[in-house]
Amino acid sequence: MSQARSIAGLVAVSVLLAACAAHRDSEPVESAAANAAARAGAEEIIVTGQHVPGVIASLATIPPPPPPPPPPAPAAPRLMRMQEPNFPRPVQVEARDRFTATQSNPFRQVREEPVSSFSIDVDTASYAFVRASLTRNVLPQPAAVRVEELVNYFPYAYAPARSAAEPFSTDVAVMPSPWTAGRKIVRIGIRGYEITRAVRPRANLVFLIDTSGSMSAPNRLPLVKQSLAMLLEQLDPNDRVAIVTYAGQAGTALEPTRVADKARILAVLDRLGAGGSTAGAEGIRQAYALAQQNLDPRGVNRVILATDGDFNVGITDPDALKGFVERERAKGVFLSVLGFGMGNYNDALMQTLAQNGNGAAAYIDTVAEARKTLVEEASATLFPIAKDVKIQVEFNPATVAEYRLIGYETRMLAREDFENDRVDAGEVGSGQTVTALYEIVPVGGPRASGDLRYARPTPATATGGGEYGFVKIRYKLPKASASRLLATPIRRAGAFARLEDAPRDARFAVGVAAFGELLRGGKYSGTTSYDDVLRIAGGARGDDPFGYRAEFVQLVRQAKTAASMAQLER
């Protein structure tokens, strides 16, 4: 028996040596990772056996293995191809995300159209989607870039409002345009009154959650659960939350429940799973019905929709859904939209619902973005200080030849709509800032269109010759039906001679706008490059407690790389 064991051991060792020699010949270089994996595998292997006499006897007749072959002669030196630099390349993906394409606002002649009117926009969905695309080294489709949403993603240090009755402060700055010499940028900024938590109105919220099969990915329903759990922490014990879900059909997962019973709400959230088709319209109906059943006339009544927007059962026509949320808005229930996912994200529908539901649209691609929207900016997201907020700028033909509103293409209003209280507009939340930028051509500056043969210039000594224009802001208090008016002039005397002398926040906003214009194709950005954006915005980061502006600078670098590689591959 001992002799057989010795022979078996000798055979095993010989086979092992031969295998090692062959391995050395075929793979002269082995990575540390492979060695580690081999060691790990060896430690996990357990060899077991039993006595089989026939096998042991046959082992005694096996001749010893031949000696290993001699090592091969050294090969002649070869030229080795250098590994290509590992530049990130733009990922070519099928663009199935749906956005509404719009043309950038053109220059308008003041003598023909002296008045510009638009609804404010506090959505941030476009910025987060652009960031998600660039993080994957994909240049976003131009329709996904709404410049005003990029600019308004960032908070700005405008002066606080005086009171809830006059809920805005207005800040106007004029500075040189960085992309066209001789033109100027007019920055209009407002900041909403900040409601303290002690006097915050009660909240009656319905979480409307898409649990269809398209929401199964980790960055969809699982992220929805995390996001809404964060929001729950910002609510007061007497606030109420209900949960409606929809997939192939809609259902109530949680009847209205006081936030004091937080454990019950979280347990329902945790049990949600994804599967089936998407009956989004039926879910919206049930959510609004639940909100109406528990309507708080003195509180905030809001449906919060969390979805990728892929409605494919029931009413899928955006116009029909628009009419429904408009009617519910008139009854006192507003709608906010949280978008999730990439690849089949229906931004066009999300924008339609949010704009007509008196709410904002945000895009949640990470836990950090959920924290920004639903924790750091929870009051702004949930508690409006004004609704139907409109801005109208009248430009002075004595000092301004042309103007162009940068962004807000989907928010433009007819001149007469500004004073029409029946025309809906955006809302501003507690402490929220809103920024709008105009590029203007002063009289005598480089115009975008040619001079008219018979136009008579307006003398600079005419009424208002010391002003570029006049800003009017119209708004309603949250529970009011009549509008109020604020107004402020755009003075020539306060204009900055150099961009570098303008306030830091103004310069940063201009840099972000230039970035957005480049991503949209650069039709109105002149010779501005990504390096120019880095110089303007990078030099105006200032106080950046949450790192949003530093992140923006990194995004510009990523866009520059992606654009360069895309150019090389054409």
Foldseek 3Di string as FASTA:
>chain_A
DVVLVVLVVQQVVQVVVQVVVVCCQVDVDDDPVVVVVVVVVVVPDDDDDDDDPVVSVVSVPDDHDDDHDDHDDDDDDDDDDDDDDPFDAADDDDAQADADDDDAWDKDFCVVPQKFKWFFALFQALVVVCLVNLVNLHQDALRSFFLQSLLQVDFDPDDADDDLVRFKDWDWAKEAAPFFPQWIKIKIKIWGAFDDPVPAFAEAEEEEEEQAQVQQDCFGLVLVLLLVLQLLVVHDQQHWYWYWYFAPHIDTLGQIDGSVVVVVVSVSSVPGHHYHHAQPVRSVVVRLVSLVVVPDLRHAGEYEYGELLRHDDDDNDLVVLLVVLLVSVVVRYAYEYEHTDGDNRHVHSNCSRRFNRQAYYHYDRDNLSSCVVRPVCVQFRGAFSWFQKMKMKRFDLQWFGIKGKQGSRVTTDDPVVQQPLVDGHHTTGRRRMGMTMMMTRTVVGDDPDDDDPPDDGDHCPPPPSQFRIKMKMWTGGSNDSHIDIDIDTHGPVNHDHHLVPDALSVQLSSLSSLVSCVSSPVPPSHPDDLVNSCVRLVVRVPDDPPCPSVSVSVSSVSVNSNVVSVVVVD
